[in-house]
Amino acid sequence: MYVLAFVQKPIARQREVFAVRGEKTLAVLTQGLAWIDPANDQIVQMWTGLVASVPQIKLNSQTTRIKFGQVHFQGLAEGLWLPREVEVETKFSYANFRNTHSYSDFRLFTVQTQQGHESPASP
């Protein structure tokens, strides 16, 4: 596996926003690791976490672990790599929370759209 490390810089324009119980929202920086299969260049697993704790809301850490798997759909030549398991762990100074999500039985939907343009009516 290739392992790719990344971290947001403080000058990043896009940041994750964190809010707790109606308190003010705070922008946070994230970092992470991605495990990439060299045979097909697909992300197999990813870990993300906060760059630093957020003392204003007593947030010590938040991490996310995602495991991906290839899913095949009828009518598509290649499989899609989609999340199979996601675990989010959030640690405050007063409590810890862990959510685990499992995904299966994926369905493929297609949507067709049409865009038009009408000229405004003359006065």
Protein backbone atom coordinates (compact mmCIF):
# COMPACT_ATOMS: atom_id res chain seq x y z
CA MET A 1 0.00 0.00 0.00
CA TYR A 2 0.98 3.56 -0.59
CA VAL A 3 0.26 5.81 2.40
CA LEU A 4 -0.45 9.45 1.71
CA ALA A 5 -0.42 11.97 4.55
CA PHE A 6 -2.16 15.34 4.32
CA VAL A 7 -2.79 18.32 6.57
CA GLN A 8 -4.71 21.55 6.05
CA LYS A 9 -2.73 24.75 6.34
CA PRO A 10 -4.07 27.60 8.49
CA ILE A 11 -4.55 29.67 5.31
CA ALA A 12 -7.00 27.07 3.89
CA ARG A 13 -10.14 28.66 2.46
CA GLN A 14 -12.37 25.63 3.05
CA ARG A 15 -12.60 24.32 6.60
CA GLU A 16 -14.80 21.91 8.46
CA VAL A 17 -17.18 23.72 10.80
CA PHE A 18 -17.94 22.36 14.25
CA ALA A 19 -20.88 23.39 16.46
CA VAL A 20 -22.07 22.08 19.81
CA ARG A 21 -25.57 22.50 21.28
CA GLY A 22 -26.35 25.79 19.65
CA GLU A 23 -23.06 27.38 20.67
CA LYS A 24 -21.14 29.41 18.14
CA THR A 25 -19.65 27.47 15.26
CA LEU A 26 -15.90 27.17 14.94
CA ALA A 27 -13.82 26.37 11.86
CA VAL A 28 -11.27 23.59 12.42
CA LEU A 29 -8.35 22.24 10.44
CA THR A 30 -8.06 18.54 9.58
CA GLN A 31 -5.26 16.13 8.81
CA GLY A 32 -5.25 12.55 7.68
CA LEU A 33 -3.84 9.45 6.08
CA ALA A 34 -5.04 7.61 2.99
CA TRP A 35 -4.03 4.04 2.15
CA ILE A 36 -3.92 3.58 -1.63
CA ASP A 37 -3.71 0.26 -3.46
CA PRO A 38 -0.84 0.57 -5.97
CA ALA A 39 -2.45 -2.03 -8.27
CA ASN A 40 -5.47 0.16 -9.09
CA ASP A 41 -4.79 3.57 -7.43
CA GLN A 42 -7.95 3.28 -5.31
CA ILE A 43 -8.25 4.56 -1.75
CA VAL A 44 -8.81 1.48 0.41
CA GLN A 45 -8.87 3.17 3.81
CA MET A 46 -8.72 6.70 5.16
CA TRP A 47 -8.24 8.30 8.58
CA THR A 48 -8.90 11.96 9.36
CA GLY A 49 -8.58 13.93 12.57
CA LEU A 50 -8.41 17.44 13.90
CA VAL A 51 -5.06 19.21 13.69
CA ALA A 52 -5.59 20.62 17.20
CA SER A 53 -8.07 20.50 20.05
CA VAL A 54 -10.71 23.23 20.33
CA PRO A 55 -10.68 24.44 23.94
CA GLN A 56 -13.49 26.98 23.35
CA ILE A 57 -15.97 24.08 23.18
CA LYS A 58 -13.92 21.57 25.23
CA LEU A 59 -13.34 19.41 22.14
CA ASN A 60 -10.23 17.28 22.64
CA SER A 61 -10.32 15.34 19.36
CA GLN A 62 -12.43 13.99 16.54
CA THR A 63 -11.33 11.18 14.25
CA THR A 64 -12.97 9.43 11.32
CA ARG A 65 -11.96 6.03 9.94
CA ILE A 66 -13.36 4.95 6.57
CA LYS A 67 -12.93 1.56 4.90
CA PHE A 68 -13.78 1.44 1.20
CA GLY A 69 -14.75 -1.54 -0.93
CA GLN A 70 -15.38 -2.12 -4.60
CA VAL A 71 -19.06 -2.37 -5.53
CA HIS A 72 -20.22 -3.70 -8.90
CA PHE A 73 -23.42 -2.55 -10.54
CA GLN A 74 -25.20 -4.16 -13.45
CA GLY A 75 -24.52 -2.19 -16.62
CA LEU A 76 -21.23 -0.69 -15.44
CA ALA A 77 -17.99 -2.21 -16.71
CA GLU A 78 -15.95 -1.10 -13.70
CA GLY A 79 -16.81 -1.21 -10.03
CA LEU A 80 -17.09 1.90 -7.88
CA TRP A 81 -15.11 2.24 -4.65
CA LEU A 82 -17.61 3.25 -1.96
CA PRO A 83 -17.52 3.48 1.84
CA ARG A 84 -18.26 0.16 3.57
CA GLU A 85 -17.59 1.09 7.20
CA VAL A 86 -17.27 4.50 8.83
CA GLU A 87 -16.41 5.15 12.47
CA VAL A 88 -16.50 8.65 13.95
CA GLU A 89 -15.10 9.19 17.43
CA THR A 90 -15.47 12.55 19.18
CA LYS A 91 -13.84 13.24 22.54
CA PHE A 92 -14.85 16.17 24.70
CA SER A 93 -13.41 16.90 28.13
CA TYR A 94 -16.74 15.79 29.62
CA ALA A 95 -17.83 12.89 27.34
CA ASN A 96 -16.82 10.60 24.47
CA PHE A 97 -19.03 9.65 21.52
CA ARG A 98 -18.56 6.96 18.89
CA ASN A 99 -20.77 6.39 15.84
CA THR A 100 -20.29 3.37 13.62
CA HIS A 101 -21.94 3.15 10.21
CA SER A 102 -22.03 0.11 7.91
CA TYR A 103 -23.09 0.39 4.27
CA SER A 104 -24.36 -2.40 2.02
CA ASP A 105 -27.00 -3.17 -0.60
CA PHE A 106 -25.98 -0.20 -2.72
CA ARG A 107 -28.36 0.86 -5.48
CA LEU A 108 -27.48 2.75 -8.63
CA PHE A 109 -29.79 5.54 -9.73
CA THR A 110 -29.67 7.64 -12.84
CA VAL A 111 -31.18 11.05 -13.34
CA GLN A 112 -31.83 12.93 -16.54
CA THR A 113 -32.15 16.67 -16.54
CA GLN A 114 -32.91 19.25 -19.14
CA GLN A 115 -31.95 22.87 -18.96
CA GLY A 116 -33.68 25.62 -20.86
CA HIS A 117 -33.46 29.34 -21.12
CA GLU A 118 -36.37 31.71 -21.55
CA SER A 119 -35.92 35.27 -22.66
CA PRO A 120 -37.52 37.85 -20.37
CA ALA A 121 -40.76 39.38 -21.60
CA SER A 122 -40.42 42.79 -23.24
CA PRO A 123 -41.85 45.73 -21.23
